[in-house]
Amino acid sequence: QVQLVESGGGLVQAGGSLRLSCAASRTTFSIRAMGWFRQAPGKQRELVASIISGTNTNYADNVKGRFAISRDDAKNTVHLQMSGLKPEDTAVYLCYAEEMKGPYDPWYSWGQGTQVTVAS
């Protein structure tokens, strides 16, 4: 496993922006995918965005066009730039990393999460 630490959460007004960062404890070159889940109280955990390479990204439909994920392997970090935030984006955002221990054996590491609150 790799240790992951998120930062950048906070309280913003609707329409505002936040930039989340996730720092890994070691090089991310060997990590196949990194991304962000979010979980709000009483709701199922949702995959927000993931990235394998600079152009190989995936977004949930309800954030596409507003959020942008990027990874900087030189700095062992992944970022999530969030714009046009809505109250429904309020959640704990958790960074994850996927490593392949075998062709059918993915290994997931998780950060503790950072709170994002969007005022209505």
N, C-alpha and C. Protein backbone atom coordinates (compact mmCIF):
# COMPACT_ATOMS: atom_id res chain seq x y z
N GLN A 1 0.82 -1.19 0.00
CA GLN A 1 0.00 0.00 0.00
C GLN A 1 0.86 1.25 0.00
N VAL A 2 0.25 2.33 -0.47
CA VAL A 2 0.87 3.64 -0.43
C VAL A 2 0.03 4.53 0.48
N GLN A 3 0.68 5.35 1.27
CA GLN A 3 -0.04 6.28 2.13
C GLN A 3 -0.44 7.51 1.32
N LEU A 4 -1.68 7.95 1.53
CA LEU A 4 -2.23 9.08 0.80
C LEU A 4 -2.78 10.10 1.78
N VAL A 5 -2.48 11.36 1.53
CA VAL A 5 -2.94 12.44 2.39
C VAL A 5 -3.58 13.51 1.53
N GLU A 6 -4.86 13.79 1.80
CA GLU A 6 -5.60 14.80 1.05
C GLU A 6 -5.52 16.15 1.74
N SER A 7 -5.69 17.19 0.94
CA SER A 7 -5.76 18.54 1.46
C SER A 7 -6.55 19.39 0.47
N GLY A 8 -6.95 20.56 0.91
CA GLY A 8 -7.60 21.52 0.03
C GLY A 8 -9.09 21.67 0.22
N GLY A 9 -9.69 20.84 1.06
CA GLY A 9 -11.12 20.97 1.29
C GLY A 9 -11.44 22.21 2.09
N GLY A 10 -12.72 22.52 2.16
CA GLY A 10 -13.15 23.68 2.90
C GLY A 10 -14.58 24.04 2.60
N LEU A 11 -14.96 25.22 3.04
CA LEU A 11 -16.30 25.75 2.85
C LEU A 11 -16.28 26.81 1.76
N VAL A 12 -17.14 26.65 0.77
CA VAL A 12 -17.24 27.61 -0.31
C VAL A 12 -18.70 27.88 -0.61
N GLN A 13 -18.95 29.01 -1.24
CA GLN A 13 -20.28 29.34 -1.71
C GLN A 13 -20.56 28.63 -3.02
N ALA A 14 -21.82 28.40 -3.30
CA ALA A 14 -22.20 27.81 -4.57
C ALA A 14 -21.62 28.63 -5.72
N GLY A 15 -21.08 27.94 -6.69
CA GLY A 15 -20.43 28.59 -7.80
C GLY A 15 -18.94 28.80 -7.62
N GLY A 16 -18.45 28.54 -6.43
CA GLY A 16 -17.05 28.74 -6.13
C GLY A 16 -16.18 27.59 -6.59
N SER A 17 -14.91 27.67 -6.26
CA SER A 17 -13.92 26.69 -6.69
C SER A 17 -13.06 26.23 -5.54
N LEU A 18 -12.59 25.01 -5.64
CA LEU A 18 -11.62 24.44 -4.72
C LEU A 18 -10.67 23.56 -5.50
N ARG A 19 -9.46 23.44 -5.00
CA ARG A 19 -8.48 22.55 -5.59
C ARG A 19 -8.03 21.56 -4.52
N LEU A 20 -8.37 20.30 -4.73
CA LEU A 20 -7.97 19.25 -3.82
C LEU A 20 -6.64 18.65 -4.27
N SER A 21 -5.83 18.28 -3.29
CA SER A 21 -4.56 17.65 -3.58
C SER A 21 -4.44 16.36 -2.79
N CYS A 22 -3.77 15.41 -3.36
CA CYS A 22 -3.51 14.13 -2.72
C CYS A 22 -2.04 13.80 -2.89
N ALA A 23 -1.35 13.72 -1.77
CA ALA A 23 0.09 13.44 -1.78
C ALA A 23 0.33 11.99 -1.41
N ALA A 24 1.12 11.31 -2.21
CA ALA A 24 1.45 9.92 -1.98
C ALA A 24 2.80 9.80 -1.29
N SER A 25 2.96 8.72 -0.54
CA SER A 25 4.16 8.55 0.27
C SER A 25 5.35 8.06 -0.54
N ARG A 26 5.13 7.65 -1.76
CA ARG A 26 6.21 7.20 -2.61
C ARG A 26 5.89 7.51 -4.06
N THR A 27 6.78 7.16 -4.94
CA THR A 27 6.58 7.44 -6.35
C THR A 27 5.25 6.87 -6.84
N THR A 28 4.60 7.65 -7.68
CA THR A 28 3.32 7.22 -8.25
C THR A 28 3.46 6.64 -9.65
N PHE A 29 4.69 6.54 -10.14
CA PHE A 29 4.88 5.97 -11.47
C PHE A 29 4.36 4.55 -11.57
N SER A 30 4.43 3.81 -10.48
CA SER A 30 4.01 2.41 -10.48
C SER A 30 2.53 2.24 -10.15
N ILE A 31 1.84 3.33 -9.88
CA ILE A 31 0.42 3.27 -9.55
C ILE A 31 -0.38 3.38 -10.84
N ARG A 32 -1.20 2.37 -11.11
CA ARG A 32 -1.92 2.34 -12.36
C ARG A 32 -2.93 3.47 -12.48
N ALA A 33 -3.70 3.66 -11.42
CA ALA A 33 -4.74 4.68 -11.45
C ALA A 33 -4.83 5.37 -10.10
N MET A 34 -5.17 6.62 -10.15
CA MET A 34 -5.47 7.39 -8.95
C MET A 34 -6.75 8.16 -9.20
N GLY A 35 -7.40 8.53 -8.13
CA GLY A 35 -8.63 9.28 -8.32
C GLY A 35 -9.28 9.67 -7.02
N TRP A 36 -10.52 10.07 -7.13
CA TRP A 36 -11.27 10.59 -6.01
C TRP A 36 -12.65 9.98 -5.95
N PHE A 37 -13.01 9.50 -4.78
CA PHE A 37 -14.37 9.16 -4.43
C PHE A 37 -14.91 10.25 -3.52
N ARG A 38 -16.21 10.30 -3.40
CA ARG A 38 -16.82 11.17 -2.41
C ARG A 38 -17.97 10.45 -1.75
N GLN A 39 -18.21 10.81 -0.50
CA GLN A 39 -19.29 10.19 0.25
C GLN A 39 -19.95 11.23 1.14
N ALA A 40 -21.25 11.37 0.96
CA ALA A 40 -22.06 12.24 1.80
C ALA A 40 -22.83 11.38 2.78
N PRO A 41 -23.18 11.93 3.94
CA PRO A 41 -23.94 11.15 4.92
C PRO A 41 -25.22 10.57 4.33
N GLY A 42 -25.42 9.28 4.54
CA GLY A 42 -26.60 8.61 4.06
C GLY A 42 -26.62 8.29 2.59
N LYS A 43 -25.52 8.56 1.89
CA LYS A 43 -25.46 8.30 0.47
C LYS A 43 -24.34 7.32 0.16
N GLN A 44 -24.48 6.64 -0.95
CA GLN A 44 -23.48 5.67 -1.37
C GLN A 44 -22.23 6.38 -1.86
N ARG A 45 -21.10 5.77 -1.59
CA ARG A 45 -19.85 6.33 -2.07
C ARG A 45 -19.85 6.36 -3.60
N GLU A 46 -19.39 7.47 -4.15
CA GLU A 46 -19.46 7.72 -5.58
C GLU A 46 -18.08 8.00 -6.13
N LEU A 47 -17.76 7.35 -7.23
CA LEU A 47 -16.51 7.66 -7.93
C LEU A 47 -16.69 8.98 -8.67
N VAL A 48 -15.85 9.94 -8.35
CA VAL A 48 -15.93 11.27 -8.94
C VAL A 48 -15.07 11.37 -10.19
N ALA A 49 -13.82 10.97 -10.07
CA ALA A 49 -12.89 11.09 -11.18
C ALA A 49 -11.73 10.15 -10.97
N SER A 50 -11.14 9.70 -12.05
CA SER A 50 -9.97 8.85 -12.00
C SER A 50 -9.05 9.20 -13.14
N ILE A 51 -7.79 8.84 -12.96
CA ILE A 51 -6.79 9.14 -13.98
C ILE A 51 -5.74 8.05 -14.01
N ILE A 52 -5.40 7.62 -15.21
CA ILE A 52 -4.30 6.70 -15.42
C ILE A 52 -3.10 7.46 -15.99
N SER A 53 -3.34 8.26 -17.00
CA SER A 53 -2.34 9.12 -17.59
C SER A 53 -2.98 10.47 -17.84
N GLY A 54 -2.19 11.39 -18.39
CA GLY A 54 -2.66 12.74 -18.57
C GLY A 54 -3.96 12.88 -19.33
N THR A 55 -4.15 12.06 -20.35
CA THR A 55 -5.36 12.14 -21.16
C THR A 55 -6.32 11.00 -20.91
N ASN A 56 -5.90 10.02 -20.15
CA ASN A 56 -6.75 8.88 -19.84
C ASN A 56 -7.45 9.14 -18.52
N THR A 57 -8.58 9.83 -18.60
CA THR A 57 -9.32 10.24 -17.42
C THR A 57 -10.77 9.83 -17.54
N ASN A 58 -11.43 9.81 -16.41
CA ASN A 58 -12.84 9.46 -16.37
C ASN A 58 -13.53 10.30 -15.30
N TYR A 59 -14.74 10.75 -15.60
CA TYR A 59 -15.49 11.59 -14.68
C TYR A 59 -16.91 11.10 -14.53
N ALA A 60 -17.45 11.30 -13.35
CA ALA A 60 -18.87 11.08 -13.17
C ALA A 60 -19.64 12.09 -14.00
N ASP A 61 -20.80 11.69 -14.49
CA ASP A 61 -21.57 12.57 -15.37
C ASP A 61 -21.92 13.89 -14.70
N ASN A 62 -22.18 13.86 -13.42
CA ASN A 62 -22.63 15.08 -12.75
C ASN A 62 -21.51 16.03 -12.37
N VAL A 63 -20.27 15.69 -12.68
CA VAL A 63 -19.16 16.61 -12.45
C VAL A 63 -18.42 16.93 -13.74
N LYS A 64 -18.71 16.22 -14.79
CA LYS A 64 -18.01 16.41 -16.05
C LYS A 64 -18.20 17.84 -16.55
N GLY A 65 -17.10 18.47 -16.92
CA GLY A 65 -17.14 19.85 -17.36
C GLY A 65 -16.91 20.84 -16.24
N ARG A 66 -17.05 20.40 -15.00
CA ARG A 66 -16.80 21.27 -13.85
C ARG A 66 -15.54 20.89 -13.09
N PHE A 67 -15.23 19.60 -13.07
CA PHE A 67 -14.06 19.11 -12.35
C PHE A 67 -12.99 18.69 -13.34
N ALA A 68 -11.75 18.80 -12.94
CA ALA A 68 -10.63 18.36 -13.76
C ALA A 68 -9.60 17.67 -12.88
N ILE A 69 -9.25 16.45 -13.24
CA ILE A 69 -8.28 15.69 -12.49
C ILE A 69 -6.95 15.68 -13.24
N SER A 70 -5.87 15.71 -12.49
CA SER A 70 -4.54 15.65 -13.07
C SER A 70 -3.61 14.95 -12.09
N ARG A 71 -2.54 14.39 -12.61
CA ARG A 71 -1.54 13.77 -11.75
C ARG A 71 -0.16 14.27 -12.14
N ASP A 72 0.66 14.45 -11.15
CA ASP A 72 2.02 14.92 -11.33
C ASP A 72 2.94 13.89 -10.69
N ASP A 73 3.40 12.94 -11.48
CA ASP A 73 4.20 11.86 -10.93
C ASP A 73 5.56 12.34 -10.43
N ALA A 74 6.04 13.47 -10.96
CA ALA A 74 7.29 14.02 -10.47
C ALA A 74 7.16 14.50 -9.03
N LYS A 75 5.96 14.86 -8.62
CA LYS A 75 5.71 15.33 -7.27
C LYS A 75 4.88 14.36 -6.46
N ASN A 76 4.57 13.21 -7.03
CA ASN A 76 3.81 12.17 -6.34
C ASN A 76 2.46 12.69 -5.85
N THR A 77 1.79 13.42 -6.71
CA THR A 77 0.52 14.02 -6.31
C THR A 77 -0.53 13.85 -7.40
N VAL A 78 -1.77 13.92 -6.98
CA VAL A 78 -2.90 14.00 -7.88
C VAL A 78 -3.77 15.15 -7.39
N HIS A 79 -4.35 15.87 -8.33
CA HIS A 79 -5.16 17.04 -8.00
C HIS A 79 -6.56 16.90 -8.59
N LEU A 80 -7.49 17.56 -7.94
CA LEU A 80 -8.84 17.66 -8.45
C LEU A 80 -9.24 19.13 -8.38
N GLN A 81 -9.29 19.77 -9.53
CA GLN A 81 -9.74 21.15 -9.61
C GLN A 81 -11.25 21.16 -9.78
N MET A 82 -11.93 21.78 -8.85
CA MET A 82 -13.38 21.80 -8.84
C MET A 82 -13.87 23.22 -9.02
N SER A 83 -14.70 23.43 -10.02
CA SER A 83 -15.26 24.73 -10.31
C SER A 83 -16.77 24.62 -10.42
N GLY A 84 -17.43 25.74 -10.32
CA GLY A 84 -18.88 25.73 -10.40
C GLY A 84 -19.52 24.81 -9.37
N LEU A 85 -19.01 24.85 -8.16
CA LEU A 85 -19.46 23.92 -7.12
C LEU A 85 -20.92 24.14 -6.78
N LYS A 86 -21.58 23.03 -6.50
CA LYS A 86 -22.99 23.02 -6.16
C LYS A 86 -23.17 22.41 -4.78
N PRO A 87 -24.27 22.74 -4.09
CA PRO A 87 -24.51 22.14 -2.78
C PRO A 87 -24.47 20.62 -2.81
N GLU A 88 -24.89 20.01 -3.90
CA GLU A 88 -24.87 18.55 -4.01
C GLU A 88 -23.46 17.98 -4.07
N ASP A 89 -22.46 18.83 -4.25
CA ASP A 89 -21.08 18.38 -4.22
C ASP A 89 -20.56 18.22 -2.80
N THR A 90 -21.32 18.66 -1.82
CA THR A 90 -20.90 18.55 -0.43
C THR A 90 -20.70 17.09 -0.06
N ALA A 91 -19.52 16.77 0.43
CA ALA A 91 -19.18 15.39 0.77
C ALA A 91 -17.76 15.35 1.32
N VAL A 92 -17.40 14.21 1.86
CA VAL A 92 -16.01 13.92 2.15
C VAL A 92 -15.39 13.33 0.89
N TYR A 93 -14.32 13.92 0.45
CA TYR A 93 -13.64 13.47 -0.75
C TYR A 93 -12.42 12.65 -0.35
N LEU A 94 -12.35 11.44 -0.88
CA LEU A 94 -11.29 10.52 -0.54
C LEU A 94 -10.45 10.19 -1.76
N CYS A 95 -9.18 10.32 -1.60
CA CYS A 95 -8.24 9.95 -2.65
C CYS A 95 -7.97 8.46 -2.60
N TYR A 96 -7.80 7.85 -3.76
CA TYR A 96 -7.44 6.44 -3.81
C TYR A 96 -6.35 6.21 -4.84
N ALA A 97 -5.67 5.11 -4.66
CA ALA A 97 -4.65 4.66 -5.60
C ALA A 97 -4.85 3.18 -5.86
N GLU A 98 -4.74 2.79 -7.11
CA GLU A 98 -4.88 1.39 -7.51
C GLU A 98 -3.56 0.87 -8.03
N GLU A 99 -3.08 -0.16 -7.39
CA GLU A 99 -1.88 -0.85 -7.83
C GLU A 99 -2.26 -2.27 -8.22
N MET A 100 -1.62 -2.78 -9.25
CA MET A 100 -1.89 -4.14 -9.69
C MET A 100 -0.83 -5.06 -9.11
N LYS A 101 -1.25 -5.90 -8.18
CA LYS A 101 -0.37 -6.91 -7.62
C LYS A 101 -0.34 -8.16 -8.48
N GLY A 102 -1.28 -8.27 -9.37
CA GLY A 102 -1.38 -9.35 -10.31
C GLY A 102 -2.45 -9.00 -11.32
N PRO A 103 -2.57 -9.78 -12.39
CA PRO A 103 -3.54 -9.42 -13.43
C PRO A 103 -4.98 -9.38 -12.93
N TYR A 104 -5.29 -10.06 -11.86
CA TYR A 104 -6.63 -10.07 -11.31
C TYR A 104 -6.63 -9.70 -9.83
N ASP A 105 -5.65 -8.94 -9.44
CA ASP A 105 -5.47 -8.65 -8.02
C ASP A 105 -5.13 -7.17 -7.81
N PRO A 106 -6.11 -6.29 -7.98
CA PRO A 106 -5.85 -4.88 -7.69
C PRO A 106 -5.75 -4.64 -6.20
N TRP A 107 -4.91 -3.72 -5.82
CA TRP A 107 -4.71 -3.33 -4.44
C TRP A 107 -5.03 -1.84 -4.31
N TYR A 108 -5.92 -1.51 -3.40
CA TYR A 108 -6.37 -0.14 -3.25
C TYR A 108 -5.87 0.46 -1.95
N SER A 109 -5.39 1.69 -2.05
CA SER A 109 -5.02 2.49 -0.90
C SER A 109 -5.94 3.69 -0.83
N TRP A 110 -6.22 4.13 0.39
CA TRP A 110 -7.17 5.22 0.60
C TRP A 110 -6.60 6.27 1.53
N GLY A 111 -6.91 7.52 1.24
CA GLY A 111 -6.64 8.58 2.17
C GLY A 111 -7.75 8.69 3.20
N GLN A 112 -7.56 9.55 4.18
CA GLN A 112 -8.56 9.73 5.23
C GLN A 112 -9.72 10.61 4.80
N GLY A 113 -9.53 11.40 3.79
CA GLY A 113 -10.58 12.24 3.27
C GLY A 113 -10.43 13.70 3.66
N THR A 114 -11.01 14.55 2.86
CA THR A 114 -11.07 15.97 3.15
C THR A 114 -12.48 16.46 2.89
N GLN A 115 -12.99 17.27 3.81
CA GLN A 115 -14.38 17.71 3.74
C GLN A 115 -14.53 18.87 2.77
N VAL A 116 -15.50 18.75 1.89
CA VAL A 116 -15.89 19.84 1.00
C VAL A 116 -17.34 20.18 1.31
N THR A 117 -17.58 21.43 1.67
CA THR A 117 -18.92 21.90 1.97
C THR A 117 -19.25 23.08 1.07
N VAL A 118 -20.35 22.99 0.36
CA VAL A 118 -20.78 24.03 -0.55
C VAL A 118 -22.08 24.61 -0.02
N ALA A 119 -22.05 25.87 0.33
CA ALA A 119 -23.23 26.54 0.87
C ALA A 119 -24.22 26.84 -0.24
N SER A 120 -25.50 26.69 0.07
CA SER A 120 -26.54 26.93 -0.91
C SER A 120 -26.85 28.41 -1.04
